Amino acid sequence: MTATPANQSRSFWQTNRGVLALCFVLLELLFFATDSVGVPAHAYVSGDVGGTPYLSVWFMVSFLIPAALVMPVVGSLKARFGAKTLTIFGPGLFGIACLVSSTAQDPQLFIAMRILQGIGGGFIPALAGGYLGAELGKEYNTMGKGMVALAVVSGACIGIPISAMITWHLSWRFLYVLIGILALIAVSIIFKLMPQTGGDSQYEIDWLGYSFMSGGFGLLSLSLIVGNQREWFADPIYIVMLWTSILLLGLFAWRMATKPKLIDLRIFKDINYCVGVITLTSVAFFLFMVFALVPRFLVIATNNKIENYGLTFIPFSFAAIITGAFASPGISPLVLAKTIAQKKKICSAAIFAFALNSLWMANTSSHQDNINIGIQLVIIATCFALICCMEIQMALTTMSPELLVSASSILFFGTNIAKALSGGVTSAIFTVTSQGSWARFREQIHPSNTALEPFLQQLHGHGQGITGAMWSQASLELINKEIARQAEVVSYINIATMVGFVLLLLCLLPFFHRPAEARKT
C-alpha cells in the first residue's frame, strides 16, 4: 500500500527531524520577534527601570547590532565546534538573557542583557537556515527553506501587536519571561534529540579579520546614534567613531583579499545568492524605515495609545503570515511560485507595490484615520512577506547544502546590519526635518495669529491664560504639543516619499536572478 503525501507529511512531523524543525522555527520566531517587541515594550521599560529617552534608543540597538555582528563568524564557529554545540550555546544564552532582563531594576542591567540577547540570538538565523535547508532530507529540504523564510516574516510581524497587548494588559517583564522560557524549552528538546555533530579542533578562525569587520560595522552603526544625539560633526566623539569605522572597514577589505578565512567565499560563486543578498539588504534598509515610522506616528501624531495601535497591527500580522504561507513551498498546498522565473517576477511586483504604498502613506496628516493606516499596513505586510519569502528562497535554492550555514549567516547579517543603519538614518532624518519644522512653525506663534484661536479659547477665564501680548506657560504647552504633532507629520511625509521613490528603482533588482540550472559549481 503506497503512502499518500498527507500521510508522509504527518509521519515526518512525528520523527525527530520534524520535531527539531519545529524547534528551529520557534527559535527563529522568537529571535525576530524580540527585535520588534522593543517598539511598544521599551516605552514601559524606560519608565520602569528609570531610563530616559536618550537611553531608550540604546535598548533597541544594544540587541540589534550585536546580533548582526555575531552572524558572519557563525560559519567558522560551526566548522570549529559543530552545529549542536552552537545551537545549545547561542539560543541558550539568548533565553537566559531574556529571563534575567525581566528582573532589571536599572537601565544598565537591561542594556547588558539586551547585548547578551543579541549575541546569543545572532546564532539562530544561520543555524536554523543550515538545519532546515539541508538536514531534513532531500524530500523536505525545499519545504525547510520555505519554513526559514516564513519564520522570518512571521517573527518580524507578530512582535509588535503581541508585545503591545501583553505590555498593555500584563507587563513587559512577563513578555521577556515568556520569550526566555519558550527559547529554553526549544533548546532542551534540541539538546535531547539533535545528533552530536563534531567539529574540527584544528580549524583556523580569522579573529583578526573578524575584529576588523565587527569593529568597523559596529562603530559605523553606533556612530549614527551618537551623531544624532551629539550634533554630528560638532562633536569630536562622533568624528573619531566615524573615521575609525572607515579605517577598520578598509582593513577588513584588505584582510579578506589577502586571507579570506572568516567567510567561505564559495557562497559568492552562486549568482542567485549574490543577487538575493544585495536585493534583500538594500530593500530591507528602506522597508525598516517604513516599519519604524508607523508606530511612532500612531502615538505622537494621531494620539493612539499602545493598545489601540496594537489592534491596528493585528490585520498586518495576519496578512504577513497568510501571504508568507502561500509563498512558501511545502507549507501550503497552493504555492504562488515554484520556479525562480516566477519568484523574481512576483518579488519585483511586490517591491513596486510597496513603493506605491509608501507614496500613498506620504499623503497624510495628523487627522489620519486608523482604518486607513490599517489598510496601508496590510499592503505593507503582504509586500514584505512576498519580498522576504521570494528572495530568501531564491538566495538559498541553488546553494550547496554544506554551505547553507555560512550562506544564511551572511544573508541575515546583511538584513540586520541594514536595519541597524536604517534606524540611525531614520533618526537623523527625523531630527533634521523636525528641527526645521519647529523653527518654521514657531515663527507663526504670536497673539494676533487667528489660526491659534482654538488654543486661546481653552484658556479664557483662567488667571494663567493669555493677557495682552504675553503667552503663558499653559498656552505654550498646548501650542508646543501641536507643533510636535505637525513636525512628526512632516518627518513622516519626507521619509515615506523618499522610500517610495527609491523602491521604484530597486524593483528591477530581482530580474538579475538566474534559473536553477544555470548554477556554476
Protein backbone atom coordinates (compact mmCIF):
# COMPACT_ATOMS: atom_id res chain seq x y z
CA MET A 1 0.00 0.00 0.00
CA THR A 2 1.51 3.34 -1.10
CA ALA A 3 1.61 6.16 1.44
CA THR A 4 -0.20 9.32 0.45
CA PRO A 5 1.59 12.70 0.58
CA ALA A 6 -0.58 13.66 3.56
CA ASN A 7 0.45 10.54 5.46
CA GLN A 8 4.11 11.10 4.56
CA SER A 9 3.93 14.65 5.85
CA ARG A 10 2.21 13.54 9.04
CA SER A 11 4.79 10.86 9.68
CA PHE A 12 7.61 13.35 9.08
CA TRP A 13 6.41 15.64 11.86
CA GLN A 14 6.34 12.67 14.20
CA THR A 15 10.06 11.99 13.66
CA ASN A 16 12.97 13.61 15.46
CA ARG A 17 13.77 15.65 12.36
CA GLY A 18 10.23 17.03 12.30
CA VAL A 19 10.30 17.96 15.99
CA LEU A 20 13.73 19.57 15.59
CA ALA A 21 12.46 21.52 12.58
CA LEU A 22 9.63 22.95 14.71
CA CYS A 23 12.11 23.89 17.46
CA PHE A 24 14.30 25.77 14.97
CA VAL A 25 11.22 27.54 13.56
CA LEU A 26 10.20 28.54 17.11
CA LEU A 27 13.67 29.92 17.83
CA GLU A 28 13.59 31.93 14.60
CA LEU A 29 10.18 33.33 15.51
CA LEU A 30 11.41 34.34 18.96
CA PHE A 31 14.60 35.94 17.64
CA PHE A 32 12.95 38.10 15.00
CA ALA A 33 10.04 38.93 17.30
CA THR A 34 12.39 40.01 20.11
CA ASP A 35 13.67 42.87 17.99
CA SER A 36 10.22 44.15 17.03
CA VAL A 37 8.81 43.85 20.57
CA GLY A 38 11.01 46.78 21.51
CA VAL A 39 8.81 49.23 19.61
CA PRO A 40 5.94 49.22 22.17
CA ALA A 41 7.55 47.47 25.14
CA HIS A 42 10.53 49.78 25.63
CA ALA A 43 8.28 52.73 26.40
CA TYR A 44 7.24 50.80 29.52
CA VAL A 45 10.76 49.56 30.22
CA SER A 46 12.19 53.07 30.15
CA GLY A 47 9.72 54.31 32.76
CA ASP A 48 10.01 51.18 34.90
CA VAL A 49 13.80 50.97 35.19
CA GLY A 50 14.49 54.69 35.35
CA GLY A 51 15.58 55.14 31.76
CA THR A 52 15.45 58.34 29.72
CA PRO A 53 14.56 58.96 26.06
CA TYR A 54 18.32 59.07 25.44
CA LEU A 55 18.82 55.62 26.97
CA SER A 56 15.71 54.05 25.46
CA VAL A 57 17.28 54.36 21.99
CA TRP A 58 20.06 52.09 23.21
CA PHE A 59 17.54 49.46 24.34
CA MET A 60 16.95 48.75 20.65
CA VAL A 61 20.45 49.00 19.17
CA SER A 62 22.06 47.06 22.04
CA PHE A 63 20.22 44.00 20.73
CA LEU A 64 20.27 44.61 17.00
CA ILE A 65 23.95 45.44 16.47
CA PRO A 66 25.48 42.54 18.49
CA ALA A 67 23.08 40.12 16.79
CA ALA A 68 24.19 41.30 13.36
CA LEU A 69 27.90 41.28 14.22
CA VAL A 70 27.83 37.69 15.52
CA MET A 71 26.38 36.28 12.29
CA PRO A 72 29.43 36.41 9.97
CA VAL A 73 31.53 34.25 12.31
CA VAL A 74 28.87 31.54 12.84
CA GLY A 75 30.03 29.56 9.80
CA SER A 76 33.61 29.41 11.13
CA LEU A 77 32.44 28.55 14.65
CA LYS A 78 30.28 25.75 13.26
CA ALA A 79 33.28 24.27 11.46
CA ARG A 80 35.33 24.50 14.67
CA PHE A 81 32.84 23.34 17.30
CA GLY A 82 29.98 21.63 15.43
CA ALA A 83 26.36 22.70 14.87
CA LYS A 84 24.86 21.14 18.01
CA THR A 85 27.28 22.87 20.38
CA LEU A 86 26.45 26.27 18.89
CA THR A 87 22.72 25.50 18.88
CA ILE A 88 22.83 24.85 22.62
CA PHE A 89 25.11 27.79 23.44
CA GLY A 90 23.61 30.59 21.29
CA PRO A 91 19.86 30.12 21.84
CA GLY A 92 20.55 29.08 25.45
CA LEU A 93 22.34 32.37 26.13
CA PHE A 94 19.50 34.19 24.37
CA GLY A 95 16.86 32.54 26.59
CA ILE A 96 18.73 33.08 29.85
CA ALA A 97 19.39 36.75 29.00
CA CYS A 98 15.67 37.26 28.32
CA LEU A 99 14.81 35.84 31.74
CA VAL A 100 17.40 37.96 33.54
CA SER A 101 16.35 41.11 31.67
CA SER A 102 12.84 40.69 33.09
CA THR A 103 14.28 41.28 36.58
CA ALA A 104 16.10 44.52 35.68
CA GLN A 105 15.61 47.45 38.05
CA ASP A 106 18.04 49.81 36.30
CA PRO A 107 18.74 50.61 32.63
CA GLN A 108 22.34 49.40 32.78
CA LEU A 109 21.38 45.81 33.60
CA PHE A 110 18.65 45.83 30.97
CA ILE A 111 21.04 47.07 28.27
CA ALA A 112 23.63 44.47 29.30
CA MET A 113 21.04 41.70 28.96
CA ARG A 114 19.92 43.07 25.60
CA ILE A 115 23.52 42.80 24.41
CA LEU A 116 23.64 39.15 25.55
CA GLN A 117 20.27 38.51 23.87
CA GLY A 118 21.76 39.82 20.64
CA ILE A 119 24.97 37.79 20.93
CA GLY A 120 23.09 34.57 21.65
CA GLY A 121 20.25 35.24 19.23
CA GLY A 122 22.63 36.06 16.40
CA PHE A 123 23.42 32.35 16.07
CA ILE A 124 19.79 31.40 15.43
CA PRO A 125 19.14 32.50 11.79
CA ALA A 126 22.29 30.87 10.43
CA LEU A 127 21.86 27.61 12.37
CA ALA A 128 18.16 27.41 11.54
CA GLY A 129 18.88 28.08 7.87
CA GLY A 130 21.53 25.36 7.84
CA TYR A 131 19.36 22.74 9.54
CA LEU A 132 16.06 23.45 7.79
CA GLY A 133 17.67 23.85 4.38
CA ALA A 134 19.99 20.85 4.42
CA GLU A 135 19.23 18.38 7.24
CA LEU A 136 15.59 17.43 6.69
CA GLY A 137 16.29 15.05 3.85
CA LYS A 138 16.18 15.67 0.11
CA GLU A 139 12.39 15.33 0.00
CA TYR A 140 11.82 18.06 2.60
CA ASN A 141 14.69 20.50 2.05
CA THR A 142 12.62 22.75 -0.22
CA MET A 143 9.94 22.90 2.45
CA GLY A 144 12.65 23.65 5.03
CA LYS A 145 13.86 26.67 3.09
CA GLY A 146 10.27 27.85 2.87
CA MET A 147 9.99 27.48 6.65
CA VAL A 148 13.09 29.64 7.12
CA ALA A 149 11.50 32.46 5.12
CA LEU A 150 8.08 32.11 6.76
CA ALA A 151 9.59 32.20 10.26
CA VAL A 152 11.50 35.40 9.42
CA VAL A 153 8.36 37.10 8.11
CA SER A 154 6.10 35.89 10.91
CA GLY A 155 8.54 36.78 13.70
CA ALA A 156 9.17 40.28 12.36
CA CYS A 157 5.43 40.99 12.07
CA ILE A 158 3.86 39.40 15.16
CA GLY A 159 6.24 41.05 17.62
CA ILE A 160 4.58 44.49 17.54
CA PRO A 161 0.92 43.54 18.20
CA ILE A 162 1.69 40.71 20.63
CA SER A 163 4.12 42.81 22.69
CA ALA A 164 1.73 45.77 22.63
CA MET A 165 -1.15 43.70 24.00
CA ILE A 166 0.97 41.86 26.60
CA THR A 167 2.69 45.00 27.91
CA TRP A 168 -0.61 46.90 27.99
CA HIS A 169 -2.62 44.24 29.82
CA LEU A 170 0.13 42.42 31.76
CA SER A 171 3.77 43.58 31.85
CA TRP A 172 6.90 43.85 29.75
CA ARG A 173 8.53 41.62 32.35
CA PHE A 174 6.04 38.85 31.61
CA LEU A 175 6.82 39.28 27.91
CA TYR A 176 10.54 38.65 28.36
CA VAL A 177 9.90 35.75 30.74
CA LEU A 178 7.66 34.15 28.11
CA ILE A 179 10.27 34.56 25.37
CA GLY A 180 13.01 33.18 27.62
CA ILE A 181 11.04 30.11 28.71
CA LEU A 182 9.99 29.21 25.16
CA ALA A 183 13.58 29.56 23.94
CA LEU A 184 14.93 27.32 26.71
CA ILE A 185 12.23 24.70 26.06
CA ALA A 186 13.29 24.58 22.39
CA VAL A 187 16.95 24.34 23.40
CA SER A 188 16.26 21.45 25.81
CA ILE A 189 14.45 19.49 23.08
CA ILE A 190 17.28 20.14 20.61
CA PHE A 191 19.81 19.01 23.25
CA LYS A 192 17.95 15.72 23.64
CA LEU A 193 17.10 14.94 20.00
CA MET A 194 19.75 16.52 17.79
CA PRO A 195 22.61 14.19 16.84
CA GLN A 196 26.03 15.30 18.01
CA THR A 197 27.98 16.95 15.22
CA GLY A 198 31.69 17.10 15.72
CA GLY A 199 33.87 19.98 14.68
CA ASP A 200 37.43 20.32 13.55
CA SER A 201 39.50 21.47 16.52
CA GLN A 202 42.27 22.46 14.10
CA TYR A 203 40.03 24.76 12.04
CA GLU A 204 41.55 28.24 11.97
CA ILE A 205 39.25 31.17 12.67
CA ASP A 206 40.43 34.55 11.45
CA TRP A 207 39.84 36.52 14.64
CA LEU A 208 41.83 39.48 13.34
CA GLY A 209 39.62 39.77 10.28
CA TYR A 210 36.54 39.37 12.47
CA SER A 211 37.79 42.15 14.76
CA PHE A 212 38.16 44.47 11.77
CA MET A 213 34.70 43.56 10.49
CA SER A 214 32.82 43.80 13.78
CA GLY A 215 34.67 46.95 14.83
CA GLY A 216 34.02 48.66 11.50
CA PHE A 217 30.34 47.84 11.11
CA GLY A 218 29.69 48.18 14.83
CA LEU A 219 31.24 51.62 15.14
CA LEU A 220 29.54 52.79 11.93
CA SER A 221 26.13 51.74 13.29
CA LEU A 222 26.78 53.28 16.70
CA SER A 223 28.15 56.49 15.19
CA LEU A 224 24.77 57.18 13.61
CA ILE A 225 23.12 57.07 17.02
CA VAL A 226 25.87 59.10 18.73
CA GLY A 227 25.96 61.66 15.91
CA ASN A 228 22.22 62.17 16.06
CA GLN A 229 22.37 62.75 19.82
CA ARG A 230 25.52 64.90 19.79
CA GLU A 231 25.05 67.25 16.82
CA TRP A 232 27.09 65.22 14.31
CA PHE A 233 30.37 66.85 13.19
CA ALA A 234 30.21 69.36 16.01
CA ASP A 235 31.06 66.51 18.38
CA PRO A 236 34.64 65.10 18.37
CA ILE A 237 33.46 61.70 19.63
CA TYR A 238 31.31 61.22 16.53
CA ILE A 239 34.19 62.24 14.25
CA VAL A 240 36.56 59.74 15.90
CA MET A 241 33.97 56.95 15.70
CA LEU A 242 33.23 57.64 12.04
CA TRP A 243 36.85 57.73 10.85
CA THR A 244 37.79 54.73 12.97
CA SER A 245 34.94 52.71 11.46
CA ILE A 246 36.05 53.65 7.94
CA LEU A 247 39.63 52.64 8.76
CA LEU A 248 38.55 49.30 10.22
CA LEU A 249 36.31 48.51 7.24
CA GLY A 250 39.24 49.25 4.94
CA LEU A 251 41.44 46.87 6.96
CA PHE A 252 38.67 44.24 6.78
CA ALA A 253 38.56 44.55 2.99
CA TRP A 254 42.36 44.15 2.89
CA ARG A 255 42.19 41.13 5.18
CA MET A 256 39.54 39.43 3.05
CA ALA A 257 41.64 39.99 -0.06
CA THR A 258 44.81 38.55 1.49
CA LYS A 259 43.49 35.89 3.89
CA PRO A 260 39.78 35.12 3.33
CA LYS A 261 39.33 32.75 6.27
CA LEU A 262 36.44 34.46 8.02
CA ILE A 263 33.83 33.95 5.29
CA ASP A 264 33.67 30.97 2.94
CA LEU A 265 33.90 32.81 -0.37
CA ARG A 266 32.43 29.83 -2.25
CA ILE A 267 28.97 31.12 -1.36
CA PHE A 268 29.52 34.12 -3.64
CA LYS A 269 30.01 31.88 -6.68
CA ASP A 270 26.23 31.41 -6.74
CA ILE A 271 24.71 34.28 -8.74
CA ASN A 272 21.28 33.80 -7.17
CA TYR A 273 22.75 34.08 -3.71
CA CYS A 274 24.64 37.27 -4.58
CA VAL A 275 21.55 38.88 -6.09
CA GLY A 276 19.48 37.76 -3.10
CA VAL A 277 21.89 39.30 -0.59
CA ILE A 278 22.08 42.59 -2.49
CA THR A 279 18.33 42.81 -3.05
CA LEU A 280 17.26 41.79 0.44
CA THR A 281 19.84 44.02 2.15
CA SER A 282 19.11 47.12 0.09
CA VAL A 283 15.35 46.68 0.14
CA ALA A 284 15.40 45.84 3.88
CA PHE A 285 17.12 49.15 4.59
CA PHE A 286 14.12 51.04 3.24
CA LEU A 287 11.49 48.54 4.41
CA PHE A 288 12.58 49.01 8.01
CA MET A 289 12.45 52.78 7.58
CA VAL A 290 8.71 52.45 6.99
CA PHE A 291 8.36 49.91 9.82
CA ALA A 292 9.91 52.45 12.20
CA LEU A 293 7.56 55.20 11.02
CA VAL A 294 4.13 53.80 11.74
CA PRO A 295 4.13 53.01 15.50
CA ARG A 296 5.69 56.37 16.33
CA PHE A 297 3.27 58.18 14.02
CA LEU A 298 0.27 56.43 15.58
CA VAL A 299 1.25 57.52 19.10
CA ILE A 300 2.58 61.04 18.54
CA ALA A 301 0.64 62.33 15.52
CA THR A 302 -2.72 60.58 15.81
CA ASN A 303 -2.87 60.28 19.62
CA ASN A 304 -3.21 56.49 19.78
CA LYS A 305 -2.36 54.51 22.88
CA ILE A 306 -0.28 51.34 22.70
CA GLU A 307 -3.41 49.18 22.98
CA ASN A 308 -5.02 50.98 20.03
CA TYR A 309 -2.12 50.61 17.68
CA GLY A 310 -1.62 47.02 18.83
CA LEU A 311 -5.10 46.32 17.46
CA THR A 312 -4.25 48.20 14.27
CA PHE A 313 -1.26 45.90 13.72
CA ILE A 314 -3.23 42.64 14.12
CA PRO A 315 -4.50 42.57 10.48
CA PHE A 316 -0.94 43.45 9.46
CA SER A 317 0.37 40.31 11.17
CA PHE A 318 -2.32 38.04 9.74
CA ALA A 319 -1.70 39.37 6.23
CA ALA A 320 2.05 38.72 6.52
CA ILE A 321 1.65 35.17 7.87
CA ILE A 322 -1.01 34.13 5.36
CA THR A 323 0.90 35.60 2.42
CA GLY A 324 4.13 34.02 3.64
CA ALA A 325 2.45 30.62 3.92
CA PHE A 326 1.20 30.77 0.35
CA ALA A 327 4.64 31.91 -0.83
CA SER A 328 6.47 29.05 0.92
CA PRO A 329 6.67 25.62 -0.76
CA GLY A 330 5.66 22.71 1.44
CA ILE A 331 3.72 24.95 3.84
CA SER A 332 0.57 25.34 1.77
CA PRO A 333 -0.79 23.08 -1.00
CA LEU A 334 -1.18 26.21 -3.13
CA VAL A 335 2.22 27.80 -3.83
CA LEU A 336 2.32 31.17 -5.56
CA ALA A 337 5.57 30.48 -7.41
CA LYS A 338 7.56 27.29 -7.91
CA THR A 339 10.37 28.41 -10.21
CA ILE A 340 12.92 31.19 -9.94
CA ALA A 341 11.45 32.82 -13.05
CA GLN A 342 8.08 33.08 -11.32
CA LYS A 343 9.55 34.13 -7.97
CA LYS A 344 11.57 37.03 -9.35
CA LYS A 345 8.54 38.48 -11.16
CA ILE A 346 6.43 38.32 -8.01
CA CYS A 347 9.25 39.82 -5.92
CA SER A 348 9.69 42.70 -8.36
CA ALA A 349 5.94 43.36 -8.38
CA ALA A 350 5.89 43.33 -4.56
CA ILE A 351 8.70 45.92 -4.36
CA PHE A 352 6.86 48.07 -6.90
CA ALA A 353 3.60 47.80 -4.92
CA PHE A 354 5.45 48.66 -1.71
CA ALA A 355 6.84 51.77 -3.41
CA LEU A 356 3.38 52.92 -4.47
CA ASN A 357 2.03 52.25 -0.99
CA SER A 358 4.83 54.34 0.55
CA LEU A 359 3.93 57.23 -1.72
CA TRP A 360 0.31 56.81 -0.66
CA MET A 361 1.40 56.86 3.00
CA ALA A 362 3.19 60.15 2.32
CA ASN A 363 -0.17 61.73 1.53
CA THR A 364 -1.16 62.05 5.18
CA SER A 365 -1.94 64.41 8.04
CA SER A 366 -2.35 64.34 11.81
CA HIS A 367 -6.04 63.56 11.26
CA GLN A 368 -5.23 60.24 9.58
CA ASP A 369 -7.80 57.53 10.29
CA ASN A 370 -6.72 54.26 11.93
CA ILE A 371 -8.68 52.25 9.38
CA ASN A 372 -6.82 53.92 6.53
CA ILE A 373 -3.49 53.22 8.24
CA GLY A 374 -4.62 49.64 8.82
CA ILE A 375 -5.21 49.17 5.08
CA GLN A 376 -1.77 50.56 4.32
CA LEU A 377 -0.27 48.19 6.89
CA VAL A 378 -1.97 45.18 5.29
CA ILE A 379 -0.42 46.16 1.93
CA ILE A 380 2.98 46.58 3.63
CA ALA A 381 2.65 43.15 5.25
CA THR A 382 1.70 41.45 2.00
CA CYS A 383 4.57 43.04 0.09
CA PHE A 384 7.06 42.43 2.90
CA ALA A 385 6.11 38.74 3.08
CA LEU A 386 6.41 38.27 -0.68
CA ILE A 387 9.77 40.07 -0.89
CA CYS A 388 11.33 38.19 2.04
CA CYS A 389 9.98 34.76 1.11
CA MET A 390 10.87 35.02 -2.56
CA GLU A 391 14.34 36.47 -2.02
CA ILE A 392 15.33 34.10 0.79
CA GLN A 393 14.19 31.11 -1.25
CA MET A 394 15.94 32.31 -4.42
CA ALA A 395 19.13 33.06 -2.48
CA LEU A 396 19.24 29.56 -0.99
CA THR A 397 17.67 27.48 -3.77
CA THR A 398 20.88 26.78 -5.70
CA MET A 399 23.26 26.88 -2.72
CA SER A 400 25.25 23.73 -1.90
CA PRO A 401 23.93 22.10 1.33
CA GLU A 402 27.29 22.18 3.10
CA LEU A 403 27.45 25.97 2.63
CA LEU A 404 23.98 26.80 3.91
CA VAL A 405 25.08 27.83 7.43
CA SER A 406 27.66 30.27 6.03
CA ALA A 407 25.21 31.46 3.38
CA SER A 408 22.42 32.03 5.91
CA SER A 409 24.75 33.86 8.29
CA ILE A 410 25.86 36.40 5.68
CA LEU A 411 22.35 36.77 4.25
CA PHE A 412 20.83 37.64 7.63
CA PHE A 413 23.87 39.71 8.61
CA GLY A 414 23.05 41.92 5.62
CA THR A 415 19.41 42.39 6.61
CA ASN A 416 20.21 43.01 10.28
CA ILE A 417 23.03 45.48 9.70
CA ALA A 418 20.77 47.21 7.16
CA LYS A 419 18.15 47.53 9.87
CA ALA A 420 20.69 48.97 12.32
CA LEU A 421 21.91 51.52 9.77
CA SER A 422 18.34 52.25 8.72
CA GLY A 423 17.39 53.13 12.29
CA GLY A 424 20.26 55.59 12.57
CA VAL A 425 19.49 57.24 9.24
CA THR A 426 15.76 57.44 10.07
CA SER A 427 16.54 59.13 13.40
CA ALA A 428 18.80 61.61 11.63
CA ILE A 429 16.11 62.48 9.09
CA PHE A 430 13.58 62.89 11.89
CA THR A 431 15.92 65.22 13.75
CA VAL A 432 16.75 67.40 10.74
CA THR A 433 13.20 67.68 9.42
CA SER A 434 11.58 68.15 12.83
CA GLN A 435 14.06 70.88 13.79
CA GLY A 436 13.31 72.70 10.55
CA SER A 437 9.58 72.23 11.12
CA TRP A 438 9.79 73.55 14.68
CA ALA A 439 11.63 76.68 13.52
CA ARG A 440 9.11 77.26 10.73
CA PHE A 441 6.03 76.63 12.87
CA ARG A 442 7.28 78.64 15.84
CA GLU A 443 7.61 81.73 13.63
CA GLN A 444 3.82 81.75 13.40
CA ILE A 445 3.27 81.90 17.17
CA HIS A 446 2.05 85.37 18.07
CA PRO A 447 -1.20 86.51 19.70
CA SER A 448 -2.56 88.10 16.53
CA ASN A 449 -2.50 84.84 14.55
CA THR A 450 -6.16 83.85 14.16
CA ALA A 451 -5.20 80.23 13.48
CA LEU A 452 -4.33 79.95 17.17
CA GLU A 453 -7.78 80.98 18.42
CA PRO A 454 -8.70 77.38 19.40
CA PHE A 455 -5.81 77.43 21.86
CA LEU A 456 -6.87 80.80 23.28
CA GLN A 457 -10.48 79.68 23.81
CA GLN A 458 -9.35 76.83 26.09
CA LEU A 459 -7.64 79.37 28.36
CA HIS A 460 -10.30 82.13 28.55
CA GLY A 461 -11.38 82.79 32.10
CA HIS A 462 -8.22 81.36 33.64
CA GLY A 463 -5.93 83.59 35.64
CA GLN A 464 -2.87 82.00 33.98
CA GLY A 465 -4.29 82.27 30.49
CA ILE A 466 -3.46 84.93 27.91
CA THR A 467 -3.06 88.54 28.93
CA GLY A 468 -2.21 91.16 26.39
CA ALA A 469 0.74 90.29 24.16
CA MET A 470 2.19 87.72 26.59
CA TRP A 471 1.92 83.93 26.30
CA SER A 472 1.51 81.96 29.49
CA GLN A 473 3.14 78.64 30.34
CA ALA A 474 -0.20 76.86 29.81
CA SER A 475 -0.78 78.28 26.35
CA LEU A 476 2.77 77.50 25.21
CA GLU A 477 2.42 73.90 26.37
CA LEU A 478 -0.67 73.40 24.26
CA ILE A 479 0.88 75.04 21.22
CA ASN A 480 4.16 73.14 21.54
CA LYS A 481 2.28 69.87 21.69
CA GLU A 482 0.53 70.69 18.43
CA ILE A 483 3.80 71.77 16.81
CA ALA A 484 5.34 68.43 17.83
CA ARG A 485 2.50 66.60 16.10
CA GLN A 486 2.89 68.61 12.92
CA ALA A 487 6.68 68.18 12.94
CA GLU A 488 6.11 64.42 13.23
CA VAL A 489 3.82 64.52 10.20
CA VAL A 490 6.41 66.43 8.14
CA SER A 491 9.11 63.87 9.01
CA TYR A 492 6.74 61.02 8.19
CA ILE A 493 5.92 62.51 4.79
CA ASN A 494 9.59 63.12 3.95
CA ILE A 495 10.72 59.58 4.78
CA ALA A 496 7.75 57.85 3.15
CA THR A 497 8.26 59.87 -0.04
CA MET A 498 11.98 59.08 -0.18
CA VAL A 499 11.36 55.36 0.41
CA GLY A 500 8.71 55.25 -2.30
CA PHE A 501 10.92 56.76 -5.00
CA VAL A 502 13.96 54.64 -4.11
CA LEU A 503 11.95 51.40 -4.15
CA LEU A 504 10.66 52.25 -7.62
CA LEU A 505 14.27 51.82 -8.78
CA LEU A 506 15.05 48.77 -6.62
CA CYS A 507 12.16 46.78 -8.09
CA LEU A 508 14.48 45.93 -11.02
CA LEU A 509 16.99 44.02 -8.86
CA PRO A 510 15.14 40.64 -8.74
CA PHE A 511 15.40 40.29 -12.53
CA PHE A 512 19.13 39.56 -12.17
CA HIS A 513 18.34 36.11 -10.70
CA ARG A 514 19.06 33.13 -12.96
CA PRO A 515 17.27 29.77 -13.35
CA ALA A 516 18.44 26.97 -11.08
CA GLU A 517 20.02 25.05 -13.94
CA ALA A 518 22.35 27.99 -14.61
CA ARG A 519 24.28 27.47 -11.37
CA LYS A 520 28.01 27.06 -11.76
CA THR A 521 29.69 24.67 -9.33
